[in-house]
C-alpha atoms as a PDB file:
ATOM      1  CA  MET A   1       0.038  -0.009   0.026  1.00  0.00           C
ATOM      2  CA  ASN A   2       0.953   3.619  -0.406  1.00  0.00           C
ATOM      3  CA  SER A   3       3.471   4.683   2.248  1.00  0.00           C
ATOM      4  CA  THR A   4       1.468   7.861   2.942  1.00  0.00           C
ATOM      5  CA  MET A   5      -1.187   5.863   4.816  1.00  0.00           C
ATOM      6  CA  THR A   6      -1.385   7.062   8.395  1.00  0.00           C
ATOM      7  CA  HIS A   7      -1.251   4.136  10.870  1.00  0.00           C
ATOM      8  CA  LEU A   8      -3.094   4.500  14.106  1.00  0.00           C
ATOM      9  CA  ASP A   9      -1.551   3.489  17.406  1.00  0.00           C
ATOM     10  CA  GLU A  10      -3.338   1.274  19.934  1.00  0.00           C
ATOM     11  CA  ASP A  11      -4.793   4.214  21.925  1.00  0.00           C
ATOM     12  CA  GLU A  12      -6.188   5.862  18.748  1.00  0.00           C
ATOM     13  CA  ARG A  13      -7.619   2.564  17.600  1.00  0.00           C
ATOM     14  CA  THR A  14      -9.321   2.024  20.961  1.00  0.00           C
ATOM     15  CA  LEU A  15     -10.772   5.535  20.892  1.00  0.00           C
ATOM     16  CA  LEU A  16     -12.121   5.015  17.380  1.00  0.00           C
ATOM     17  CA  ILE A  17     -13.827   1.746  18.310  1.00  0.00           C
ATOM     18  CA  ASP A  18     -15.236   3.116  21.585  1.00  0.00           C
ATOM     19  CA  SER A  19     -16.721   6.104  19.753  1.00  0.00           C
ATOM     20  CA  LEU A  20     -18.176   3.873  17.080  1.00  0.00           C
ATOM     21  CA  ARG A  21     -19.802   1.569  19.617  1.00  0.00           C
ATOM     22  CA  GLN A  22     -21.389   4.441  21.462  1.00  0.00           C
ATOM     23  CA  LEU A  23     -22.633   5.989  18.218  1.00  0.00           C
ATOM     24  CA  LEU A  24     -24.250   2.730  17.097  1.00  0.00           C
ATOM     25  CA  GLN A  25     -25.954   2.314  20.447  1.00  0.00           C
ATOM     26  CA  ARG A  26     -27.368   5.860  20.224  1.00  0.00           C
ATOM     27  CA  ASN A  27     -28.617   5.221  16.656  1.00  0.00           C
ATOM     28  CA  ALA A  28     -30.030   1.776  17.179  1.00  0.00           C
ATOM     29  CA  ASP A  29     -33.407   2.866  15.739  1.00  0.00           C
ATOM     30  CA  GLY A  30     -32.159   5.742  13.576  1.00  0.00           C
ATOM     31  CA  GLU A  31     -32.527   6.299   9.866  1.00  0.00           C
ATOM     32  CA  PRO A  32     -29.756   4.493   7.846  1.00  0.00           C
ATOM     33  CA  LYS A  33     -28.721   7.629   6.011  1.00  0.00           C
ATOM     34  CA  ASP A  34     -28.457   9.625   9.232  1.00  0.00           C
ATOM     35  CA  THR A  35     -26.480   6.892  10.901  1.00  0.00           C
ATOM     36  CA  TRP A  36     -24.101   6.578   7.955  1.00  0.00           C
ATOM     37  CA  ARG A  37     -23.470  10.357   7.846  1.00  0.00           C
ATOM     38  CA  GLN A  38     -22.497  10.256  11.494  1.00  0.00           C
ATOM     39  CA  LEU A  39     -20.258   7.319  10.870  1.00  0.00           C
ATOM     40  CA  THR A  40     -18.446   9.250   8.120  1.00  0.00           C
ATOM     41  CA  GLU A  41     -17.775  12.048  10.663  1.00  0.00           C
ATOM     42  CA  LEU A  42     -15.633   9.508  12.561  1.00  0.00           C
ATOM     43  CA  GLY A  43     -13.496   9.128   9.453  1.00  0.00           C
ATOM     44  CA  LEU A  44     -14.602   5.627   8.533  1.00  0.00           C
ATOM     45  CA  THR A  45     -14.647   6.235   4.843  1.00  0.00           C
ATOM     46  CA  GLN A  46     -10.855   6.824   4.788  1.00  0.00           C
ATOM     47  CA  LEU A  47     -10.011   3.484   6.386  1.00  0.00           C
ATOM     48  CA  ALA A  48      -7.755   1.383   4.116  1.00  0.00           C
ATOM     49  CA  ARG A  49      -7.329   4.277   1.680  1.00  0.00           C
ATOM     50  CA  PRO A  50      -3.712   4.439   0.464  1.00  0.00           C
ATOM     51  CA  SER A  51      -3.480   8.072   1.480  1.00  0.00           C
ATOM     52  CA  GLY A  52      -5.974   7.994   4.329  1.00  0.00           C
ATOM     53  CA  ALA A  53      -5.911   7.836   8.083  1.00  0.00           C
ATOM     54  CA  GLY A  54      -6.194   4.295   9.390  1.00  0.00           C
ATOM     55  CA  GLY A  55      -5.877   1.006   7.566  1.00  0.00           C
ATOM     56  CA  LEU A  56      -7.589  -2.279   7.059  1.00  0.00           C
ATOM     57  CA  ARG A  57      -6.875  -3.213  10.671  1.00  0.00           C
ATOM     58  CA  GLU A  58      -9.126  -0.437  11.822  1.00  0.00           C
ATOM     59  CA  ALA A  59     -11.668  -1.221   9.139  1.00  0.00           C
ATOM     60  CA  THR A  60     -11.959  -4.850  10.281  1.00  0.00           C
ATOM     61  CA  LEU A  61     -12.455  -3.711  13.875  1.00  0.00           C
ATOM     62  CA  ALA A  62     -15.122  -1.246  12.809  1.00  0.00           C
ATOM     63  CA  LEU A  63     -16.858  -3.895  10.769  1.00  0.00           C
ATOM     64  CA  GLN A  64     -16.905  -6.132  13.860  1.00  0.00           C
ATOM     65  CA  GLU A  65     -18.743  -3.349  15.681  1.00  0.00           C
ATOM     66  CA  LEU A  66     -21.252  -3.126  12.820  1.00  0.00           C
ATOM     67  CA  GLY A  67     -21.743  -6.881  13.059  1.00  0.00           C
ATOM     68  CA  ARG A  68     -22.501  -6.668  16.797  1.00  0.00           C
ATOM     69  CA  VAL A  69     -25.625  -4.661  16.038  1.00  0.00           C
ATOM     70  CA  SER A  70     -26.420  -6.258  12.641  1.00  0.00           C
ATOM     71  CA  SER A  71     -25.854  -2.979  10.802  1.00  0.00           C
ATOM     72  CA  THR A  72     -25.477  -2.941   7.041  1.00  0.00           C
ATOM     73  CA  ALA A  73     -24.030   0.594   6.955  1.00  0.00           C
ATOM     74  CA  PRO A  74     -22.046   0.605   3.668  1.00  0.00           C
ATOM     75  CA  LEU A  75     -18.541   0.444   5.181  1.00  0.00           C
ATOM     76  CA  ILE A  76     -17.538  -2.563   3.111  1.00  0.00           C
ATOM     77  CA  GLY A  77     -18.285  -0.598  -0.092  1.00  0.00           C
ATOM     78  CA  ALA A  78     -16.192   2.324   1.195  1.00  0.00           C
ATOM     79  CA  VAL A  79     -13.251   0.007   1.962  1.00  0.00           C
ATOM     80  CA  LEU A  80     -13.403  -1.483  -1.505  1.00  0.00           C
ATOM     81  CA  ALA A  81     -13.742   1.911  -3.126  1.00  0.00           C
ATOM     82  CA  ASN A  82     -10.534   2.881  -1.347  1.00  0.00           C
ATOM     83  CA  LEU A  83      -8.714  -0.052  -2.908  1.00  0.00           C
ATOM     84  CA  VAL A  84      -9.415   1.359  -6.391  1.00  0.00           C
ATOM     85  CA  ALA A  85      -9.155   5.001  -5.324  1.00  0.00           C
ATOM     86  CA  GLU A  86      -6.035   5.482  -7.438  1.00  0.00           C
ATOM     87  CA  GLU A  87      -7.245   3.493 -10.482  1.00  0.00           C
ATOM     88  CA  GLY A  88      -8.290   6.770 -12.046  1.00  0.00           C
ATOM     89  CA  GLY A  89      -9.174  10.369 -11.191  1.00  0.00           C
ATOM     90  CA  ALA A  90     -12.709   9.791 -12.294  1.00  0.00           C
ATOM     91  CA  LEU A  91     -13.516   8.361  -8.885  1.00  0.00           C
ATOM     92  CA  ALA A  92     -12.358  11.435  -6.997  1.00  0.00           C
ATOM     93  CA  PRO A  93     -15.807  13.059  -6.871  1.00  0.00           C
ATOM     94  CA  LEU A  94     -17.252   9.893  -5.391  1.00  0.00           C
ATOM     95  CA  LEU A  95     -14.619   9.782  -2.641  1.00  0.00           C
ATOM     96  CA  GLU A  96     -15.278  13.429  -1.863  1.00  0.00           C
ATOM     97  CA  ARG A  97     -19.003  12.738  -1.452  1.00  0.00           C
ATOM     98  CA  LEU A  98     -18.254   9.696   0.741  1.00  0.00           C
ATOM     99  CA  ASP A  99     -16.017  11.706   3.018  1.00  0.00           C
ATOM    100  CA  ALA A 100     -18.637  14.436   3.288  1.00  0.00           C
ATOM    101  CA  GLY A 101     -21.350  11.864   4.195  1.00  0.00           C
ATOM    102  CA  ASP A 102     -23.332  12.708   1.072  1.00  0.00           C
ATOM    103  CA  ALA A 103     -22.956   9.255  -0.450  1.00  0.00           C
ATOM    104  CA  GLY A 104     -22.825   5.584   0.388  1.00  0.00           C
ATOM    105  CA  VAL A 105     -21.286   3.107  -2.012  1.00  0.00           C
ATOM    106  CA  ALA A 106     -21.778  -0.649  -2.532  1.00  0.00           C
ATOM    107  CA  PHE A 107     -20.127  -3.078  -4.863  1.00  0.00           C
ATOM    108  CA  ALA A 108     -22.129  -5.383  -7.112  1.00  0.00           C
ATOM    109  CA  PHE A 109     -19.962  -8.090  -8.673  1.00  0.00           C
ATOM    110  CA  ALA A 110     -22.682  -9.676 -10.852  1.00  0.00           C
ATOM    111  CA  GLU A 111     -21.202 -12.680 -12.748  1.00  0.00           C
ATOM    112  CA  PHE A 112     -17.857 -12.297 -10.945  1.00  0.00           C
ATOM    113  CA  ASP A 113     -19.529 -12.579  -7.472  1.00  0.00           C
ATOM    114  CA  GLY A 114     -18.951 -16.286  -6.819  1.00  0.00           C
ATOM    115  CA  GLU A 115     -22.730 -16.628  -6.388  1.00  0.00           C
ATOM    116  CA  ALA A 116     -24.415 -17.889  -9.587  1.00  0.00           C
ATOM    117  CA  ASN A 117     -27.518 -15.856  -9.142  1.00  0.00           C
ATOM    118  CA  ALA A 118     -25.852 -12.435  -8.483  1.00  0.00           C
ATOM    119  CA  GLY A 119     -27.084 -11.037 -11.850  1.00  0.00           C
ATOM    120  CA  LYS A 120     -25.459  -9.938 -15.101  1.00  0.00           C
ATOM    121  CA  VAL A 121     -24.955  -6.585 -16.803  1.00  0.00           C
ATOM    122  CA  THR A 122     -23.620  -5.383 -20.146  1.00  0.00           C
ATOM    123  CA  LEU A 123     -21.889  -2.131 -21.037  1.00  0.00           C
ATOM    124  CA  ASP A 124     -22.544  -0.402 -24.401  1.00  0.00           C
ATOM    125  CA  GLY A 125     -20.264   2.635 -24.498  1.00  0.00           C
ATOM    126  CA  ASN A 126     -21.070   4.321 -21.236  1.00  0.00           C
ATOM    127  CA  LYS A 127     -24.608   2.790 -20.930  1.00  0.00           C
ATOM    128  CA  LEU A 128     -25.201  -0.013 -18.441  1.00  0.00           C
ATOM    129  CA  SER A 129     -27.991  -2.506 -18.746  1.00  0.00           C
ATOM    130  CA  GLY A 130     -28.914  -5.610 -16.883  1.00  0.00           C
ATOM    131  CA  CYS A 131     -29.786  -6.901 -13.397  1.00  0.00           C
ATOM    132  CA  LEU A 132     -27.779  -6.730 -10.167  1.00  0.00           C
ATOM    133  CA  ARG A 133     -28.811  -8.805  -7.167  1.00  0.00           C
ATOM    134  CA  PHE A 134     -27.861  -9.014  -3.476  1.00  0.00           C
ATOM    135  CA  VAL A 135     -27.100  -5.312  -3.135  1.00  0.00           C
ATOM    136  CA  GLU A 136     -27.096  -4.404   0.554  1.00  0.00           C
ATOM    137  CA  GLY A 137     -27.168  -1.092   2.437  1.00  0.00           C
ATOM    138  CA  LEU A 138     -30.044   0.679   0.782  1.00  0.00           C
ATOM    139  CA  PRO A 139     -31.251   3.376   1.457  1.00  0.00           C
ATOM    140  CA  ALA A 140     -27.898   4.602   2.765  1.00  0.00           C
ATOM    141  CA  VAL A 141     -26.301   3.462  -0.513  1.00  0.00           C
ATOM    142  CA  THR A 142     -26.540   6.055  -3.294  1.00  0.00           C
ATOM    143  CA  ASP A 143     -23.887   4.777  -5.691  1.00  0.00           C
ATOM    144  CA  LEU A 144     -22.777   1.422  -7.082  1.00  0.00           C
ATOM    145  CA  LEU A 145     -19.433   0.289  -8.371  1.00  0.00           C
ATOM    146  CA  VAL A 146     -19.754  -2.597 -10.815  1.00  0.00           C
ATOM    147  CA  PRO A 147     -16.603  -4.537 -11.844  1.00  0.00           C
ATOM    148  CA  LEU A 148     -16.717  -5.606 -15.507  1.00  0.00           C
ATOM    149  CA  ALA A 149     -14.211  -7.294 -17.791  1.00  0.00           C
ATOM    150  CA  GLY A 150     -11.305  -4.854 -17.763  1.00  0.00           C
ATOM    151  CA  ALA A 151     -13.349  -1.950 -16.374  1.00  0.00           C
ATOM    152  CA  LEU A 152     -15.095  -0.569 -13.289  1.00  0.00           C
ATOM    153  CA  ALA A 153     -18.453   1.140 -13.811  1.00  0.00           C
ATOM    154  CA  TRP A 154     -19.637   3.805 -11.350  1.00  0.00           C
ATOM    155  CA  VAL A 155     -23.384   4.503 -11.445  1.00  0.00           C
ATOM    156  CA  ASN A 156     -25.377   6.884  -9.330  1.00  0.00           C
ATOM    157  CA  ILE A 157     -28.550   5.017  -8.398  1.00  0.00           C
ATOM    158  CA  GLU A 158     -30.533   8.175  -7.639  1.00  0.00           C
ATOM    159  CA  ALA A 159     -29.531   9.934 -10.854  1.00  0.00           C
ATOM    160  CA  VAL A 160     -30.355   7.104 -13.310  1.00  0.00           C
ATOM    161  CA  GLY A 161     -33.687   6.032 -11.749  1.00  0.00           C
ATOM    162  CA  ALA A 162     -32.883   2.355 -11.426  1.00  0.00           C
ATOM    163  CA  GLN A 163     -35.752  -0.124 -10.831  1.00  0.00           C
ATOM    164  CA  VAL A 164     -35.191  -1.253  -7.233  1.00  0.00           C
ATOM    165  CA  THR A 165     -36.937  -4.248  -5.675  1.00  0.00           C
ATOM    166  CA  ALA A 166     -36.475  -5.335  -2.050  1.00  0.00           C
ATOM    167  CA  THR A 167     -35.671  -9.049  -1.582  1.00  0.00           C
ATOM    168  CA  PRO A 168     -36.396 -10.292   1.956  1.00  0.00           C
ATOM    169  CA  ILE A 169     -33.877 -13.015   2.887  1.00  0.00           C
ATOM    170  CA  LEU A 170     -32.222 -14.576   5.889  1.00  0.00           C
ATOM    171  CA  ALA A 171     -30.385 -11.325   6.828  1.00  0.00           C
ATOM    172  CA  THR A 172     -31.848  -8.884   9.240  1.00  0.00           C
ATOM    173  CA  GLU A 173     -32.454  -6.310   6.481  1.00  0.00           C
ATOM    174  CA  PRO A 174     -33.541  -7.064   2.899  1.00  0.00           C
ATOM    175  CA  LEU A 175     -31.114  -7.115   0.076  1.00  0.00           C
ATOM    176  CA  HIS A 176     -32.122  -5.400  -3.197  1.00  0.00           C
ATOM    177  CA  GLU A 177     -32.315  -6.201  -6.872  1.00  0.00           C
ATOM    178  CA  LEU A 178     -31.495  -3.339  -9.225  1.00  0.00           C
ATOM    179  CA  VAL A 179     -32.428  -3.316 -12.900  1.00  0.00           C
ATOM    180  CA  PHE A 180     -30.800  -0.894 -15.324  1.00  0.00           C
ATOM    181  CA  ASP A 181     -31.810  -0.044 -18.902  1.00  0.00           C
ATOM    182  CA  GLY A 182     -29.163   2.063 -20.553  1.00  0.00           C
ATOM    183  CA  ALA A 183     -28.109   3.877 -17.378  1.00  0.00           C
ATOM    184  CA  GLU A 184     -25.268   6.306 -17.921  1.00  0.00           C
ATOM    185  CA  VAL A 185     -22.128   5.404 -15.991  1.00  0.00           C
ATOM    186  CA  VAL A 186     -18.555   6.537 -15.583  1.00  0.00           C
ATOM    187  CA  THR A 187     -15.900   3.895 -16.306  1.00  0.00           C
ATOM    188  CA  VAL A 188     -12.306   3.495 -15.398  1.00  0.00           C
ATOM    189  CA  ALA A 189      -9.860   0.735 -16.383  1.00  0.00           C
ATOM    190  CA  LEU A 190      -9.631  -2.201 -14.015  1.00  0.00           C
ATOM    191  CA  ALA A 191      -6.733  -4.637 -14.025  1.00  0.00           C
ATOM    192  CA  PRO A 192      -7.652  -8.343 -13.708  1.00  0.00           C
ATOM    193  CA  ASP A 193      -5.589  -8.689 -10.498  1.00  0.00           C
ATOM    194  CA  THR A 194      -7.534  -5.741  -8.984  1.00  0.00           C
ATOM    195  CA  LEU A 195     -10.807  -7.558  -9.549  1.00  0.00           C
ATOM    196  CA  ASN A 196      -9.451 -10.567  -7.756  1.00  0.00           C
ATOM    197  CA  ASP A 197      -8.318  -8.347  -4.887  1.00  0.00           C
ATOM    198  CA  LEU A 198     -11.729  -6.792  -4.659  1.00  0.00           C
ATOM    199  CA  LEU A 199     -13.420 -10.117  -4.332  1.00  0.00           C
ATOM    200  CA  THR A 200     -10.879 -11.277  -1.723  1.00  0.00           C
ATOM    201  CA  LEU A 201     -11.366  -8.145   0.263  1.00  0.00           C
ATOM    202  CA  ALA A 202     -15.156  -8.181   0.002  1.00  0.00           C
ATOM    203  CA  GLN A 203     -15.352 -11.732   1.464  1.00  0.00           C
ATOM    204  CA  PHE A 204     -12.730 -10.879   4.141  1.00  0.00           C
ATOM    205  CA  CYS A 205     -14.724  -7.821   5.221  1.00  0.00           C
ATOM    206  CA  ALA A 206     -17.961  -9.809   5.419  1.00  0.00           C
ATOM    207  CA  THR A 207     -16.041 -12.328   7.588  1.00  0.00           C
ATOM    208  CA  ALA A 208     -15.001  -9.522   9.921  1.00  0.00           C
ATOM    209  CA  ARG A 209     -18.576  -8.298  10.258  1.00  0.00           C
ATOM    210  CA  ALA A 210     -19.777 -11.879  11.042  1.00  0.00           C
ATOM    211  CA  LEU A 211     -17.013 -12.188  13.598  1.00  0.00           C
ATOM    212  CA  GLY A 212     -18.403  -9.164  15.432  1.00  0.00           C
ATOM    213  CA  ALA A 213     -21.840 -10.789  15.592  1.00  0.00           C
ATOM    214  CA  ALA A 214     -20.395 -14.086  16.821  1.00  0.00           C
ATOM    215  CA  ARG A 215     -18.287 -12.416  19.508  1.00  0.00           C
ATOM    216  CA  CYS A 216     -21.338 -10.571  20.743  1.00  0.00           C
ATOM    217  CA  ALA A 217     -23.415 -13.767  20.820  1.00  0.00           C
ATOM    218  CA  LEU A 218     -20.650 -15.571  22.796  1.00  0.00           C
ATOM    219  CA  GLU A 219     -20.419 -12.729  25.322  1.00  0.00           C
ATOM    220  CA  GLU A 220     -24.209 -12.874  25.837  1.00  0.00           C
ATOM    221  CA  VAL A 221     -24.372 -16.638  26.125  1.00  0.00           C
ATOM    222  CA  ILE A 222     -21.487 -16.735  28.664  1.00  0.00           C
ATOM    223  CA  GLU A 223     -23.349 -14.312  30.920  1.00  0.00           C
ATOM    224  CA  TYR A 224     -26.495 -16.419  30.444  1.00  0.00           C
ATOM    225  CA  ALA A 225     -24.612 -19.552  31.476  1.00  0.00           C
ATOM    226  CA  LYS A 226     -23.561 -17.883  34.694  1.00  0.00           C
ATOM    227  CA  THR A 227     -27.093 -17.047  35.781  1.00  0.00           C
ATOM    228  CA  ARG A 228     -29.388 -19.689  34.213  1.00  0.00           C
ATOM    229  CA  THR A 229     -29.831 -22.477  36.802  1.00  0.00           C
ATOM    230  CA  GLN A 230     -30.825 -26.077  36.296  1.00  0.00           C
ATOM    231  CA  PHE A 231     -30.760 -28.870  38.888  1.00  0.00           C
ATOM    232  CA  GLY A 232     -29.911 -26.256  41.439  1.00  0.00           C
ATOM    233  CA  GLN A 233     -26.758 -24.837  39.874  1.00  0.00           C
ATOM    234  CA  PRO A 234     -25.798 -22.468  36.952  1.00  0.00           C
ATOM    235  CA  ILE A 235     -25.593 -24.331  33.654  1.00  0.00           C
ATOM    236  CA  GLY A 236     -22.107 -22.951  33.185  1.00  0.00           C
ATOM    237  CA  ARG A 237     -20.873 -25.485  35.745  1.00  0.00           C
ATOM    238  CA  PHE A 238     -21.868 -28.381  33.518  1.00  0.00           C
ATOM    239  CA  GLN A 239     -18.867 -29.782  31.720  1.00  0.00           C
ATOM    240  CA  ALA A 240     -20.721 -30.186  28.446  1.00  0.00           C
ATOM    241  CA  ILE A 241     -21.585 -26.460  28.355  1.00  0.00           C
ATOM    242  CA  GLN A 242     -18.058 -25.497  29.422  1.00  0.00           C
ATOM    243  CA  HIS A 243     -16.511 -27.501  26.597  1.00  0.00           C
ATOM    244  CA  LYS A 244     -18.881 -26.010  24.003  1.00  0.00           C
ATOM    245  CA  LEU A 245     -18.204 -22.432  25.064  1.00  0.00           C
ATOM    246  CA  VAL A 246     -14.447 -22.916  25.339  1.00  0.00           C
ATOM    247  CA  ASN A 247     -14.356 -24.349  21.828  1.00  0.00           C
ATOM    248  CA  CYS A 248     -16.336 -21.308  20.636  1.00  0.00           C
ATOM    249  CA  PHE A 249     -13.986 -18.893  22.341  1.00  0.00           C
ATOM    250  CA  THR A 250     -10.960 -20.702  20.864  1.00  0.00           C
ATOM    251  CA  SER A 251     -12.415 -20.530  17.326  1.00  0.00           C
ATOM    252  CA  LEU A 252     -13.247 -16.864  17.627  1.00  0.00           C
ATOM    253  CA  GLU A 253      -9.797 -16.007  18.988  1.00  0.00           C
ATOM    254  CA  ALA A 254      -8.203 -17.886  16.029  1.00  0.00           C
ATOM    255  CA  ILE A 255     -10.370 -15.916  13.578  1.00  0.00           C
ATOM    256  CA  ARG A 256      -9.710 -12.589  15.344  1.00  0.00           C
ATOM    257  CA  LEU A 257      -5.890 -13.096  15.314  1.00  0.00           C
ATOM    258  CA  SER A 258      -5.879 -14.380  11.723  1.00  0.00           C
ATOM    259  CA  SER A 259      -8.041 -11.476  10.596  1.00  0.00           C
ATOM    260  CA  PHE A 260      -5.926  -8.871  12.295  1.00  0.00           C
ATOM    261  CA  HIS A 261      -2.704 -10.439  10.870  1.00  0.00           C
ATOM    262  CA  ALA A 262      -4.129 -10.394   7.301  1.00  0.00           C
ATOM    263  CA  ALA A 263      -5.174  -6.798   7.677  1.00  0.00           C
ATOM    264  CA  GLU A 264      -1.816  -5.824   9.113  1.00  0.00           C
ATOM    265  CA  GLN A 265      -0.045  -7.348   6.056  1.00  0.00           C
ATOM    266  CA  PHE A 266      -2.403  -5.386   3.828  1.00  0.00           C
ATOM    267  CA  ASP A 267      -1.542  -2.141   5.653  1.00  0.00           C
ATOM    268  CA  LEU A 268       2.206  -2.854   5.465  1.00  0.00           C
ATOM    269  CA  GLY A 269       2.076  -3.583   1.737  1.00  0.00           C
ATOM    270  CA  ASN A 270       2.907  -7.276   1.934  1.00  0.00           C
ATOM    271  CA  PRO A 271       1.451  -9.009  -1.137  1.00  0.00           C
ATOM    272  CA  GLN A 272       0.900 -12.097   1.014  1.00  0.00           C
ATOM    273  CA  TRP A 273      -2.123 -10.357   2.543  1.00  0.00           C
ATOM    274  CA  ARG A 274      -4.203 -12.008  -0.143  1.00  0.00           C
ATOM    275  CA  PHE A 275      -3.186 -15.478   1.035  1.00  0.00           C
ATOM    276  CA  PHE A 276      -3.834 -14.658   4.727  1.00  0.00           C
ATOM    277  CA  ALA A 277      -7.192 -13.009   3.967  1.00  0.00           C
ATOM    278  CA  THR A 278      -8.378 -15.969   1.900  1.00  0.00           C
ATOM    279  CA  ALA A 279      -7.241 -18.424   4.514  1.00  0.00           C
ATOM    280  CA  THR A 280      -9.145 -16.477   7.192  1.00  0.00           C
ATOM    281  CA  SER A 281     -12.327 -16.583   5.158  1.00  0.00           C
ATOM    282  CA  ALA A 282     -11.960 -20.224   4.375  1.00  0.00           C
ATOM    283  CA  PHE A 283     -11.515 -21.199   8.046  1.00  0.00           C
ATOM    284  CA  ALA A 284     -14.002 -18.709   9.494  1.00  0.00           C
ATOM    285  CA  SER A 285     -17.077 -19.556   7.345  1.00  0.00           C
ATOM    286  CA  GLN A 286     -17.845 -22.855   9.035  1.00  0.00           C
ATOM    287  CA  ALA A 287     -16.335 -21.950  12.398  1.00  0.00           C
ATOM    288  CA  LEU A 288     -18.529 -18.924  12.790  1.00  0.00           C
ATOM    289  CA  ARG A 289     -21.665 -20.828  11.924  1.00  0.00           C
ATOM    290  CA  GLN A 290     -20.756 -23.482  14.454  1.00  0.00           C
ATOM    291  CA  VAL A 291     -20.426 -20.857  17.147  1.00  0.00           C
ATOM    292  CA  ALA A 292     -23.924 -19.539  16.223  1.00  0.00           C
ATOM    293  CA  LEU A 293     -25.370 -23.063  16.593  1.00  0.00           C
ATOM    294  CA  GLU A 294     -23.633 -23.723  19.931  1.00  0.00           C
ATOM    295  CA  ALA A 295     -24.874 -20.403  21.276  1.00  0.00           C
ATOM    296  CA  HIS A 296     -28.423 -21.252  20.247  1.00  0.00           C
ATOM    297  CA  HIS A 297     -28.154 -24.638  21.886  1.00  0.00           C
ATOM    298  CA  THR A 298     -26.996 -23.133  25.129  1.00  0.00           C
ATOM    299  CA  PHE A 299     -29.680 -20.441  25.200  1.00  0.00           C
ATOM    300  CA  GLY A 300     -32.344 -23.009  24.464  1.00  0.00           C
ATOM    301  CA  ALA A 301     -35.835 -21.864  23.593  1.00  0.00           C
ATOM    302  CA  ILE A 302     -35.313 -18.261  24.695  1.00  0.00           C
ATOM    303  CA  GLY A 303     -32.629 -17.842  22.004  1.00  0.00           C
ATOM    304  CA  TYR A 304     -35.282 -18.359  19.321  1.00  0.00           C
ATOM    305  CA  SER A 305     -37.454 -15.490  20.509  1.00  0.00           C
ATOM    306  CA  GLU A 306     -37.340 -12.415  18.257  1.00  0.00           C
ATOM    307  CA  GLU A 307     -37.255 -10.247  21.403  1.00  0.00           C
ATOM    308  CA  HIS A 308     -33.876 -11.806  22.130  1.00  0.00           C
ATOM    309  CA  GLY A 309     -30.664 -10.728  20.449  1.00  0.00           C
ATOM    310  CA  MET A 310     -29.595 -14.215  19.365  1.00  0.00           C
ATOM    311  CA  PRO A 311     -31.772 -14.506  16.200  1.00  0.00           C
ATOM    312  CA  SER A 312     -30.220 -11.250  14.894  1.00  0.00           C
ATOM    313  CA  HIS A 313     -26.699 -12.580  15.526  1.00  0.00           C
ATOM    314  CA  PHE A 314     -27.568 -15.923  13.898  1.00  0.00           C
ATOM    315  CA  ARG A 315     -28.824 -14.325  10.760  1.00  0.00           C
ATOM    316  CA  ARG A 316     -25.953 -11.885  10.477  1.00  0.00           C
ATOM    317  CA  ILE A 317     -23.396 -14.660  10.876  1.00  0.00           C
ATOM    318  CA  HIS A 318     -24.978 -17.009   8.358  1.00  0.00           C
ATOM    319  CA  SER A 319     -25.757 -14.290   5.810  1.00  0.00           C
ATOM    320  CA  ASP A 320     -22.183 -12.958   5.777  1.00  0.00           C
ATOM    321  CA  ALA A 321     -20.635 -16.452   5.815  1.00  0.00           C
ATOM    322  CA  LEU A 322     -22.489 -17.244   2.567  1.00  0.00           C
ATOM    323  CA  LYS A 323     -21.480 -14.052   0.771  1.00  0.00           C
ATOM    324  CA  HIS A 324     -19.489 -14.226  -2.495  1.00  0.00           C
ATOM    325  CA  GLY A 325     -19.667 -17.974  -2.832  1.00  0.00           C
ATOM    326  CA  GLY A 326     -19.030 -18.715   0.871  1.00  0.00           C
ATOM    327  CA  VAL A 327     -16.638 -21.342   2.012  1.00  0.00           C
ATOM    328  CA  ARG A 328     -16.580 -23.110  -1.372  1.00  0.00           C
ATOM    329  CA  HIS A 329     -15.294 -20.023  -3.196  1.00  0.00           C
ATOM    330  CA  ALA A 330     -12.735 -19.275  -0.415  1.00  0.00           C
ATOM    331  CA  ARG A 331     -11.372 -22.817  -0.534  1.00  0.00           C
ATOM    332  CA  GLU A 332     -11.137 -22.743  -4.318  1.00  0.00           C
ATOM    333  CA  ALA A 333      -9.326 -19.398  -4.165  1.00  0.00           C
ATOM    334  CA  LEU A 334      -6.970 -20.715  -1.519  1.00  0.00           C
ATOM    335  CA  ALA A 335      -6.255 -23.834  -3.519  1.00  0.00           C
ATOM    336  CA  THR A 336      -5.459 -21.673  -6.551  1.00  0.00           C
ATOM    337  CA  ARG A 337      -2.993 -19.619  -4.500  1.00  0.00           C
ATOM    338  CA  LEU A 338      -1.375 -22.693  -3.032  1.00  0.00           C
ATOM    339  CA  LEU A 339      -1.377 -25.131  -5.918  1.00  0.00           C
ATOM    340  CA  GLY A 340      -2.445 -23.272  -9.037  1.00  0.00           C
ATOM    341  CA  ALA A 341      -5.470 -25.587  -9.201  1.00  0.00           C
ATOM    342  CA  ARG A 342      -9.117 -25.527  -8.103  1.00  0.00           C
ATOM    343  CA  LEU A 343     -10.505 -27.990  -5.556  1.00  0.00           C
END
């Protein structure tokens, strides 16, 4: 990465995350656009930007905070936009609007997504047509970046009047399908390696957000195990419960450390960040879902009540673990990096 990136120290990192957690708690029921504007005031849109303040380490920690409250504020899109910030000056106005809180951006990978039903678009000159599915973050998202063969298309959703349809799914908030018919876009050249990096980073960021949800679920279930009694004693004293929760804690610590290491290598400009990020996603996908299941088992019936926080964590974890082809795509990408072959 660009050596002009400003790296935060531990105290600055802690202050950023504490401020973010307090903001998200205050805005639990707020409008998505208002919440996103306040998040941009904390400087989140500059995280992982080559010339910005804070790197991917801080971005992954921030995404964990979003995961704790099942927020789909478009931070992942901002991080990915920062990866291509220097691909061309045409994106400069978008970055300015992001930093000012006037825009939210999402990526839609279409046929490159790793998910067969993510849609398909065509580009005729500077006119975009086709269907894009699984777009998250609306209504805070105002702009889309769409990777194509050799190019990146930037489209302002509000300006072109796209046909938008909400698609209720497992996640806590609906995803959206967007249909374009000759929408005017701005395009910049996109190297094939950059497209691969975008996909790697997108899945890695989704893993970080799922990790936040899983860590919150584990914290809650540990407290529950201390106070819920059965046969005259807290269930946390039962060896079977202890083993389950210790295994969950071990898995989450492994993911946390692996995630932070991959992000650190990205920030330091080590090309091996791609390997570490892919390995993290490949391991985390199944491990996070197992943590969600074990937490549900420990909570018992109360964990299935919509008034409880566990259903929200469960949906966030599973939804993010399935993104961009899920564990299958991560393992195939890892096999390609290791052996030059697909599993």
